[in-house]
């Protein structure tokens, strides 16, 4: 075998090996700490610590792309801007997590979404949403709210003391 052909084969093998090594799925975006304006996730994301939301009049975390997931990894998302002990003056738009008009997304626990002036988790106009093993607690309105959302799996969740601000309207768990 001539030297030039051997060199070409070695280069092609090296490039192919490098592509295989780096072609794996990118790691998830890591979320923790304080969020002061709506965080729109566009790729798979995960909590790596507790989150305090200081967002007024809007959701804390919003899904901005189909086919992605948010892993809570046992951490808590809490509304620090307008905690639910003041539901009389709450803003219905201050949700913990919003999925609006998306397809094939997931919110995966374990994890806790609590004390939001609006909804814990709001699923609106979406399809194939999976919410599993999430605890929603002490939110002014529903823990998990579905509006025009179809073909979805909402399973193994816990809803406690939601609907504090619904003033007797049918609102609460899911």
N, C-alpha and C. Protein backbone atom coordinates (compact mmCIF):
# COMPACT_ATOMS: atom_id res chain seq x y z
N UNK A 1 0.86 -1.16 0.00
CA UNK A 1 0.00 0.00 0.00
C UNK A 1 0.91 1.22 0.00
N UNK A 2 0.58 2.19 -0.87
CA UNK A 2 1.45 3.35 -0.90
C UNK A 2 1.17 4.26 0.28
N UNK A 3 2.12 5.07 0.58
CA UNK A 3 2.09 5.92 1.77
C UNK A 3 0.93 6.92 1.70
N UNK A 4 0.62 7.50 0.57
CA UNK A 4 -0.44 8.49 0.42
C UNK A 4 -1.81 7.88 0.72
N UNK A 5 -2.05 6.68 0.20
CA UNK A 5 -3.33 6.01 0.46
C UNK A 5 -3.47 5.68 1.93
N UNK A 6 -2.41 5.19 2.56
CA UNK A 6 -2.44 4.90 3.99
C UNK A 6 -2.75 6.16 4.80
N UNK A 7 -2.14 7.27 4.43
CA UNK A 7 -2.36 8.55 5.12
C UNK A 7 -3.83 8.97 5.00
N UNK A 8 -4.41 8.84 3.82
CA UNK A 8 -5.82 9.20 3.61
C UNK A 8 -6.76 8.33 4.45
N UNK A 9 -6.48 7.04 4.48
CA UNK A 9 -7.32 6.14 5.28
C UNK A 9 -7.21 6.49 6.76
N UNK A 10 -6.02 6.81 7.22
CA UNK A 10 -5.83 7.18 8.62
C UNK A 10 -6.60 8.46 8.95
N UNK A 11 -6.57 9.45 8.07
CA UNK A 11 -7.29 10.71 8.31
C UNK A 11 -8.79 10.45 8.34
N UNK A 12 -9.32 9.69 7.39
CA UNK A 12 -10.75 9.37 7.36
C UNK A 12 -11.15 8.62 8.63
N UNK A 13 -10.35 7.67 9.06
CA UNK A 13 -10.64 6.93 10.28
C UNK A 13 -10.64 7.85 11.49
N UNK A 14 -9.70 8.77 11.57
CA UNK A 14 -9.65 9.71 12.68
C UNK A 14 -10.88 10.61 12.70
N UNK A 15 -11.26 11.16 11.56
CA UNK A 15 -12.43 12.04 11.48
C UNK A 15 -13.69 11.26 11.85
N UNK A 16 -13.85 10.07 11.34
CA UNK A 16 -15.01 9.25 11.66
C UNK A 16 -15.07 8.94 13.15
N UNK A 17 -13.96 8.61 13.76
CA UNK A 17 -13.91 8.33 15.20
C UNK A 17 -14.28 9.56 16.01
N UNK A 18 -13.77 10.71 15.60
CA UNK A 18 -14.10 11.96 16.31
C UNK A 18 -15.59 12.26 16.21
N UNK A 19 -16.18 12.05 15.05
CA UNK A 19 -17.61 12.28 14.88
C UNK A 19 -18.42 11.36 15.79
N UNK A 20 -18.04 10.11 15.87
CA UNK A 20 -18.74 9.18 16.75
C UNK A 20 -18.60 9.58 18.22
N UNK A 21 -17.43 10.04 18.58
CA UNK A 21 -17.19 10.43 19.97
C UNK A 21 -18.02 11.63 20.38
N UNK A 22 -18.17 12.61 19.49
CA UNK A 22 -18.85 13.85 19.84
C UNK A 22 -20.28 13.93 19.32
N UNK A 23 -20.79 12.89 18.69
CA UNK A 23 -22.12 12.93 18.11
C UNK A 23 -23.22 12.65 19.12
N UNK A 24 -22.88 12.29 20.34
CA UNK A 24 -23.89 12.00 21.35
C UNK A 24 -24.74 13.21 21.67
N UNK A 25 -25.85 12.97 22.30
CA UNK A 25 -26.77 14.05 22.66
C UNK A 25 -26.10 15.02 23.62
N UNK A 26 -26.34 16.30 23.41
CA UNK A 26 -25.74 17.30 24.30
C UNK A 26 -26.37 17.18 25.68
N UNK A 27 -25.64 17.60 26.68
CA UNK A 27 -26.16 17.52 28.03
C UNK A 27 -27.28 18.54 28.23
N UNK A 28 -28.13 18.26 29.19
CA UNK A 28 -29.28 19.12 29.46
C UNK A 28 -28.81 20.46 30.04
N UNK A 29 -29.60 21.51 29.74
CA UNK A 29 -29.35 22.81 30.35
C UNK A 29 -29.63 22.70 31.84
N UNK A 30 -28.79 23.27 32.66
CA UNK A 30 -28.92 23.17 34.11
C UNK A 30 -29.55 24.43 34.68
N UNK A 31 -30.56 24.23 35.54
CA UNK A 31 -31.32 25.34 36.11
C UNK A 31 -31.27 25.27 37.63
N UNK A 32 -30.99 26.40 38.28
CA UNK A 32 -31.06 26.50 39.74
C UNK A 32 -31.00 27.97 40.11
N UNK A 33 -31.26 28.27 41.38
CA UNK A 33 -31.14 29.63 41.87
C UNK A 33 -32.39 30.47 41.64
N UNK A 34 -32.19 31.76 41.43
CA UNK A 34 -33.30 32.70 41.28
C UNK A 34 -33.57 32.98 39.80
N UNK A 35 -34.84 32.94 39.43
CA UNK A 35 -35.26 33.30 38.07
C UNK A 35 -36.06 34.60 38.20
N UNK A 36 -35.63 35.66 37.50
CA UNK A 36 -36.28 36.96 37.64
C UNK A 36 -37.10 37.38 36.43
N UNK A 37 -36.98 36.67 35.32
CA UNK A 37 -37.87 36.85 34.17
C UNK A 37 -38.11 35.47 33.58
N UNK A 38 -39.24 35.30 32.90
CA UNK A 38 -39.62 33.98 32.41
C UNK A 38 -38.45 33.30 31.70
N UNK A 39 -38.14 32.09 32.12
CA UNK A 39 -37.11 31.28 31.50
C UNK A 39 -37.78 30.38 30.47
N UNK A 40 -37.53 30.63 29.19
CA UNK A 40 -38.09 29.80 28.13
C UNK A 40 -37.05 28.76 27.75
N UNK A 41 -37.40 27.49 27.95
CA UNK A 41 -36.46 26.42 27.63
C UNK A 41 -36.70 25.95 26.20
N UNK A 42 -35.62 25.76 25.47
CA UNK A 42 -35.67 25.36 24.07
C UNK A 42 -35.07 23.97 23.85
N UNK A 43 -34.40 23.44 24.87
CA UNK A 43 -33.76 22.13 24.81
C UNK A 43 -34.06 21.39 26.10
N UNK A 44 -33.75 20.10 26.13
CA UNK A 44 -33.89 19.36 27.37
C UNK A 44 -33.20 20.13 28.49
N UNK A 45 -33.86 20.20 29.64
CA UNK A 45 -33.33 20.96 30.77
C UNK A 45 -33.56 20.18 32.06
N UNK A 46 -32.80 20.54 33.09
CA UNK A 46 -32.96 19.86 34.36
C UNK A 46 -32.62 20.81 35.51
N UNK A 47 -33.33 20.60 36.62
CA UNK A 47 -32.99 21.34 37.82
C UNK A 47 -31.77 20.68 38.45
N UNK A 48 -30.83 21.51 38.89
CA UNK A 48 -29.65 21.01 39.60
C UNK A 48 -29.61 21.61 41.01
N UNK A 49 -30.66 22.31 41.37
CA UNK A 49 -30.81 22.92 42.68
C UNK A 49 -32.21 23.51 42.76
N UNK A 50 -32.59 23.95 43.95
CA UNK A 50 -33.91 24.57 44.11
C UNK A 50 -33.95 25.88 43.33
N UNK A 51 -35.18 26.25 42.89
CA UNK A 51 -35.40 27.46 42.11
C UNK A 51 -36.38 28.35 42.85
N UNK A 52 -36.06 29.63 42.97
CA UNK A 52 -36.97 30.64 43.50
C UNK A 52 -37.33 31.56 42.35
N UNK A 53 -38.63 31.68 42.08
CA UNK A 53 -39.09 32.52 40.97
C UNK A 53 -39.48 33.89 41.49
N UNK A 54 -38.90 34.91 40.90
CA UNK A 54 -39.21 36.29 41.25
C UNK A 54 -39.83 36.98 40.03
N UNK A 55 -40.64 36.24 39.29
CA UNK A 55 -41.27 36.74 38.07
C UNK A 55 -42.65 37.25 38.42
N UNK A 56 -42.93 38.49 38.10
CA UNK A 56 -44.24 39.07 38.38
C UNK A 56 -45.07 39.14 37.10
N UNK A 57 -46.30 38.61 37.16
CA UNK A 57 -47.23 38.73 36.05
C UNK A 57 -46.99 37.81 34.88
N UNK A 58 -46.15 36.80 35.02
CA UNK A 58 -45.85 35.87 33.93
C UNK A 58 -45.39 34.54 34.53
N UNK A 59 -45.35 33.49 33.71
CA UNK A 59 -44.88 32.20 34.22
C UNK A 59 -43.38 32.22 34.55
N UNK A 60 -42.98 31.29 35.39
CA UNK A 60 -41.57 31.17 35.78
C UNK A 60 -40.78 30.46 34.68
N UNK A 61 -41.21 29.25 34.31
CA UNK A 61 -40.54 28.47 33.27
C UNK A 61 -41.56 28.16 32.19
N UNK A 62 -41.18 28.37 30.93
CA UNK A 62 -42.07 28.12 29.81
C UNK A 62 -41.37 27.24 28.78
N UNK A 63 -42.10 26.29 28.22
CA UNK A 63 -41.56 25.45 27.16
C UNK A 63 -41.66 26.22 25.85
N UNK A 64 -40.56 26.36 25.13
CA UNK A 64 -40.54 27.12 23.88
C UNK A 64 -40.26 26.28 22.66
N UNK A 65 -40.28 24.96 22.82
CA UNK A 65 -39.94 24.08 21.71
C UNK A 65 -40.60 22.72 21.93
N UNK A 66 -41.01 22.04 20.86
CA UNK A 66 -41.56 20.69 21.01
C UNK A 66 -40.45 19.66 21.23
N UNK A 67 -40.86 18.49 21.72
CA UNK A 67 -39.93 17.37 21.82
C UNK A 67 -38.87 17.50 22.89
N UNK A 68 -39.11 18.28 23.94
CA UNK A 68 -38.11 18.44 24.99
C UNK A 68 -38.68 18.04 26.34
N UNK A 69 -37.82 17.93 27.32
CA UNK A 69 -38.27 17.57 28.67
C UNK A 69 -37.56 18.42 29.72
N UNK A 70 -38.26 18.57 30.84
CA UNK A 70 -37.73 19.25 32.01
C UNK A 70 -37.72 18.23 33.13
N UNK A 71 -36.53 17.93 33.65
CA UNK A 71 -36.38 17.00 34.77
C UNK A 71 -36.22 17.82 36.05
N UNK A 72 -37.07 17.54 37.03
CA UNK A 72 -37.01 18.28 38.29
C UNK A 72 -35.97 17.70 39.25
N UNK A 73 -35.62 16.46 39.11
CA UNK A 73 -34.54 15.83 39.88
C UNK A 73 -34.67 15.98 41.40
N UNK A 74 -35.91 16.01 41.91
CA UNK A 74 -36.12 16.07 43.35
C UNK A 74 -36.03 17.47 43.94
N UNK A 75 -35.89 18.49 43.11
CA UNK A 75 -35.77 19.87 43.59
C UNK A 75 -37.13 20.57 43.58
N UNK A 76 -37.15 21.80 44.12
CA UNK A 76 -38.37 22.57 44.30
C UNK A 76 -38.33 23.85 43.47
N UNK A 77 -39.47 24.19 42.88
CA UNK A 77 -39.66 25.47 42.21
C UNK A 77 -40.70 26.23 43.04
N UNK A 78 -40.30 27.35 43.63
CA UNK A 78 -41.15 28.12 44.54
C UNK A 78 -41.33 29.54 44.01
N UNK A 79 -42.55 30.06 44.15
CA UNK A 79 -42.81 31.45 43.77
C UNK A 79 -42.41 32.35 44.93
N UNK A 80 -41.36 33.12 44.74
CA UNK A 80 -40.92 34.06 45.76
C UNK A 80 -41.45 35.46 45.51
N UNK A 81 -41.98 35.70 44.29
CA UNK A 81 -42.48 37.03 43.94
C UNK A 81 -43.85 37.30 44.56
N UNK A 82 -44.67 36.28 44.64
CA UNK A 82 -46.04 36.46 45.09
C UNK A 82 -46.53 35.18 45.75
N UNK A 83 -46.00 34.82 46.89
CA UNK A 83 -46.35 33.53 47.49
C UNK A 83 -47.86 33.40 47.73
N UNK A 84 -48.32 32.17 47.71
CA UNK A 84 -49.76 31.90 47.71
C UNK A 84 -50.48 32.25 49.00
N UNK A 85 -49.78 32.72 50.02
CA UNK A 85 -50.50 33.12 51.23
C UNK A 85 -51.25 34.43 51.00
N UNK A 86 -51.10 35.03 49.82
CA UNK A 86 -51.80 36.26 49.48
C UNK A 86 -52.59 36.06 48.18
N UNK A 87 -53.41 35.02 48.10
CA UNK A 87 -54.13 34.70 46.88
C UNK A 87 -55.22 35.71 46.54
N UNK A 88 -55.67 36.49 47.49
CA UNK A 88 -56.72 37.47 47.20
C UNK A 88 -56.26 38.48 46.16
N UNK A 89 -54.98 38.77 46.11
CA UNK A 89 -54.46 39.74 45.13
C UNK A 89 -53.58 39.05 44.09
N UNK A 90 -53.82 37.75 43.86
CA UNK A 90 -52.93 37.00 42.97
C UNK A 90 -53.20 37.30 41.50
N UNK A 91 -52.19 37.02 40.71
CA UNK A 91 -52.23 37.20 39.27
C UNK A 91 -52.29 35.82 38.64
N UNK A 92 -53.39 35.52 37.95
CA UNK A 92 -53.60 34.20 37.38
C UNK A 92 -52.50 33.79 36.41
N UNK A 93 -51.75 34.74 35.86
CA UNK A 93 -50.70 34.43 34.88
C UNK A 93 -49.39 33.98 35.52
N UNK A 94 -49.27 34.07 36.82
CA UNK A 94 -48.02 33.70 37.48
C UNK A 94 -47.98 32.21 37.78
N UNK A 95 -47.73 31.44 36.73
CA UNK A 95 -47.68 29.98 36.83
C UNK A 95 -46.26 29.52 37.09
N UNK A 96 -46.14 28.34 37.68
CA UNK A 96 -44.82 27.76 37.88
C UNK A 96 -44.21 27.32 36.57
N UNK A 97 -44.93 26.45 35.84
CA UNK A 97 -44.45 25.93 34.55
C UNK A 97 -45.58 26.05 33.55
N UNK A 98 -45.29 26.60 32.38
CA UNK A 98 -46.27 26.75 31.31
C UNK A 98 -45.85 25.97 30.09
N UNK A 99 -46.78 25.14 29.59
CA UNK A 99 -46.61 24.45 28.31
C UNK A 99 -47.77 24.93 27.45
N UNK A 100 -47.47 25.75 26.44
CA UNK A 100 -48.52 26.34 25.61
C UNK A 100 -48.22 26.05 24.13
N UNK A 101 -49.13 25.29 23.50
CA UNK A 101 -49.00 25.01 22.08
C UNK A 101 -47.83 24.13 21.71
N UNK A 102 -47.44 23.22 22.57
CA UNK A 102 -46.30 22.35 22.30
C UNK A 102 -46.75 20.90 22.10
N UNK A 103 -45.87 20.09 21.54
CA UNK A 103 -46.15 18.68 21.25
C UNK A 103 -44.98 17.84 21.75
N UNK A 104 -45.33 16.72 22.39
CA UNK A 104 -44.33 15.73 22.80
C UNK A 104 -43.29 16.32 23.76
N UNK A 105 -43.78 16.89 24.86
CA UNK A 105 -42.89 17.42 25.90
C UNK A 105 -43.18 16.71 27.21
N UNK A 106 -42.24 16.82 28.16
CA UNK A 106 -42.41 16.13 29.44
C UNK A 106 -41.89 16.96 30.59
N UNK A 107 -42.61 16.86 31.71
CA UNK A 107 -42.16 17.41 33.00
C UNK A 107 -42.03 16.20 33.91
N UNK A 108 -40.81 15.88 34.30
CA UNK A 108 -40.55 14.63 34.99
C UNK A 108 -40.04 14.88 36.40
N UNK A 109 -40.74 14.30 37.38
CA UNK A 109 -40.32 14.37 38.76
C UNK A 109 -39.39 13.23 39.07
N UNK A 110 -39.08 13.10 40.34
CA UNK A 110 -39.75 13.77 41.44
C UNK A 110 -39.35 15.23 41.53
N UNK A 111 -40.26 16.01 42.11
CA UNK A 111 -40.01 17.43 42.32
C UNK A 111 -41.26 18.11 42.84
N UNK A 112 -41.10 19.34 43.31
CA UNK A 112 -42.19 20.09 43.92
C UNK A 112 -42.33 21.44 43.22
N UNK A 113 -43.59 21.80 42.85
CA UNK A 113 -43.91 23.11 42.30
C UNK A 113 -44.91 23.72 43.27
N UNK A 114 -44.52 24.83 43.94
CA UNK A 114 -45.34 25.31 45.05
C UNK A 114 -45.46 26.83 45.13
N UNK A 115 -46.57 27.25 45.75
CA UNK A 115 -46.81 28.62 46.18
C UNK A 115 -46.89 29.64 45.05
N UNK A 116 -47.43 29.24 43.90
CA UNK A 116 -47.56 30.18 42.80
C UNK A 116 -48.89 30.91 42.87
N UNK A 117 -48.87 32.18 42.47
CA UNK A 117 -50.07 33.02 42.50
C UNK A 117 -51.06 32.60 41.42
N UNK A 118 -50.62 31.84 40.46
CA UNK A 118 -51.50 31.31 39.42
C UNK A 118 -51.63 29.81 39.57
N UNK A 119 -51.24 29.09 38.54
CA UNK A 119 -51.31 27.64 38.49
C UNK A 119 -49.93 27.05 38.77
N UNK A 120 -49.90 25.87 39.34
CA UNK A 120 -48.61 25.20 39.51
C UNK A 120 -48.03 24.86 38.15
N UNK A 121 -48.77 24.06 37.39
CA UNK A 121 -48.38 23.66 36.04
C UNK A 121 -49.57 23.92 35.13
N UNK A 122 -49.36 24.65 34.04
CA UNK A 122 -50.43 24.97 33.10
C UNK A 122 -50.12 24.36 31.74
N UNK A 123 -51.03 23.50 31.28
CA UNK A 123 -50.89 22.86 29.97
C UNK A 123 -52.01 23.38 29.08
N UNK A 124 -51.65 24.14 28.05
CA UNK A 124 -52.65 24.80 27.21
C UNK A 124 -52.40 24.50 25.74
N UNK A 125 -53.42 24.00 25.05
CA UNK A 125 -53.35 23.79 23.62
C UNK A 125 -52.19 22.92 23.17
N UNK A 126 -51.89 21.89 23.93
CA UNK A 126 -50.74 21.05 23.65
C UNK A 126 -51.18 19.60 23.46
N UNK A 127 -50.30 18.79 22.88
CA UNK A 127 -50.57 17.36 22.70
C UNK A 127 -49.36 16.55 23.14
N UNK A 128 -49.66 15.35 23.58
CA UNK A 128 -48.64 14.40 24.02
C UNK A 128 -47.71 15.00 25.08
N UNK A 129 -48.31 15.55 26.11
CA UNK A 129 -47.55 16.07 27.24
C UNK A 129 -47.53 15.00 28.32
N UNK A 130 -46.38 14.80 28.92
CA UNK A 130 -46.26 13.85 30.03
C UNK A 130 -45.84 14.62 31.28
N UNK A 131 -46.64 14.48 32.33
CA UNK A 131 -46.30 15.04 33.64
C UNK A 131 -46.37 13.88 34.62
N UNK A 132 -45.25 13.54 35.21
CA UNK A 132 -45.22 12.39 36.10
C UNK A 132 -44.37 12.65 37.33
N UNK A 133 -44.86 12.16 38.48
CA UNK A 133 -44.16 12.18 39.76
C UNK A 133 -43.84 13.60 40.26
N UNK A 134 -44.75 14.54 39.99
CA UNK A 134 -44.57 15.91 40.45
C UNK A 134 -45.57 16.19 41.57
N UNK A 135 -45.11 16.84 42.62
CA UNK A 135 -46.00 17.30 43.68
C UNK A 135 -46.27 18.78 43.44
N UNK A 136 -47.56 19.15 43.42
CA UNK A 136 -47.96 20.55 43.28
C UNK A 136 -48.69 20.92 44.56
N UNK A 137 -48.26 22.01 45.20
CA UNK A 137 -48.77 22.31 46.53
C UNK A 137 -48.92 23.81 46.74
N UNK A 138 -50.02 24.20 47.44
CA UNK A 138 -50.23 25.56 47.90
C UNK A 138 -50.21 26.60 46.78
N UNK A 139 -50.71 26.25 45.60
CA UNK A 139 -50.83 27.20 44.51
C UNK A 139 -52.21 27.85 44.59
N UNK A 140 -52.32 29.12 44.20
CA UNK A 140 -53.58 29.83 44.35
C UNK A 140 -54.71 29.22 43.53
N UNK A 141 -54.40 28.65 42.38
CA UNK A 141 -55.42 28.01 41.57
C UNK A 141 -55.04 26.54 41.39
N UNK A 142 -55.35 25.92 40.29
CA UNK A 142 -55.11 24.49 40.13
C UNK A 142 -53.65 24.12 40.27
N UNK A 143 -53.42 22.91 40.76
CA UNK A 143 -52.07 22.38 40.81
C UNK A 143 -51.57 22.09 39.41
N UNK A 144 -52.34 21.30 38.65
CA UNK A 144 -52.05 21.01 37.24
C UNK A 144 -53.32 21.32 36.47
N UNK A 145 -53.24 22.24 35.52
CA UNK A 145 -54.40 22.71 34.77
C UNK A 145 -54.25 22.33 33.30
N UNK A 146 -55.29 21.68 32.76
CA UNK A 146 -55.28 21.30 31.35
C UNK A 146 -56.38 22.04 30.61
N UNK A 147 -56.02 22.74 29.54
CA UNK A 147 -56.99 23.43 28.70
C UNK A 147 -56.65 23.12 27.25
N UNK A 148 -57.59 22.49 26.53
CA UNK A 148 -57.40 22.13 25.12
C UNK A 148 -56.11 21.32 24.93
N UNK A 149 -55.82 20.46 25.87
CA UNK A 149 -54.64 19.59 25.80
C UNK A 149 -55.12 18.16 25.66
N UNK A 150 -54.58 17.44 24.68
CA UNK A 150 -55.07 16.10 24.37
C UNK A 150 -53.93 15.09 24.30
N UNK A 151 -54.34 13.82 24.34
CA UNK A 151 -53.42 12.70 24.12
C UNK A 151 -52.20 12.79 25.04
N UNK A 152 -52.45 13.05 26.33
CA UNK A 152 -51.36 13.28 27.27
C UNK A 152 -51.41 12.31 28.44
N UNK A 153 -50.28 12.18 29.13
CA UNK A 153 -50.17 11.33 30.32
C UNK A 153 -49.90 12.19 31.54
N UNK A 154 -50.87 12.24 32.44
CA UNK A 154 -50.72 12.95 33.70
C UNK A 154 -50.86 11.88 34.77
N UNK A 155 -49.75 11.41 35.31
CA UNK A 155 -49.82 10.25 36.18
C UNK A 155 -48.82 10.33 37.33
N UNK A 156 -49.23 9.68 38.44
CA UNK A 156 -48.41 9.54 39.64
C UNK A 156 -47.98 10.89 40.22
N UNK A 157 -48.86 11.88 40.14
CA UNK A 157 -48.61 13.20 40.71
C UNK A 157 -49.35 13.34 42.02
N UNK A 158 -48.93 14.27 42.85
CA UNK A 158 -49.60 14.55 44.13
C UNK A 158 -49.99 16.02 44.13
N UNK A 159 -51.24 16.28 44.50
CA UNK A 159 -51.74 17.64 44.56
C UNK A 159 -52.26 17.91 45.97
N UNK A 160 -51.70 18.95 46.63
CA UNK A 160 -52.04 19.23 48.02
C UNK A 160 -52.31 20.73 48.20
N UNK A 161 -53.45 21.08 48.81
CA UNK A 161 -53.79 22.45 49.21
C UNK A 161 -53.70 23.47 48.08
N UNK A 162 -54.14 23.10 46.88
CA UNK A 162 -54.20 24.06 45.79
C UNK A 162 -55.58 24.69 45.79
N UNK A 163 -55.79 25.68 44.96
CA UNK A 163 -57.08 26.34 44.80
C UNK A 163 -57.42 27.29 45.94
N UNK A 164 -56.44 27.78 46.64
CA UNK A 164 -56.65 28.67 47.76
C UNK A 164 -57.38 29.94 47.30
N UNK A 165 -57.08 30.41 46.08
CA UNK A 165 -57.65 31.65 45.59
C UNK A 165 -58.82 31.50 44.64
N UNK A 166 -59.37 30.30 44.50
CA UNK A 166 -60.45 30.09 43.53
C UNK A 166 -61.80 30.56 44.02
N UNK A 167 -61.91 30.88 45.29
CA UNK A 167 -63.14 31.41 45.87
C UNK A 167 -64.35 30.54 45.54
N UNK A 168 -64.21 29.24 45.73
CA UNK A 168 -65.32 28.30 45.55
C UNK A 168 -65.55 27.84 44.11
N UNK A 169 -64.81 28.35 43.16
CA UNK A 169 -64.94 27.87 41.77
C UNK A 169 -64.31 26.50 41.65
N UNK A 170 -64.78 25.70 40.70
CA UNK A 170 -64.22 24.35 40.54
C UNK A 170 -62.79 24.40 40.04
N UNK A 171 -61.90 24.33 40.95
CA UNK A 171 -60.49 24.47 40.67
C UNK A 171 -59.77 23.74 41.77
N UNK A 172 -58.62 23.15 41.50
CA UNK A 172 -57.94 22.48 42.58
C UNK A 172 -56.80 21.61 42.11
N UNK A 173 -56.96 20.29 42.21
CA UNK A 173 -55.88 19.36 41.90
C UNK A 173 -55.47 19.40 40.45
N UNK A 174 -56.14 18.57 39.66
CA UNK A 174 -55.84 18.51 38.21
C UNK A 174 -57.10 18.81 37.46
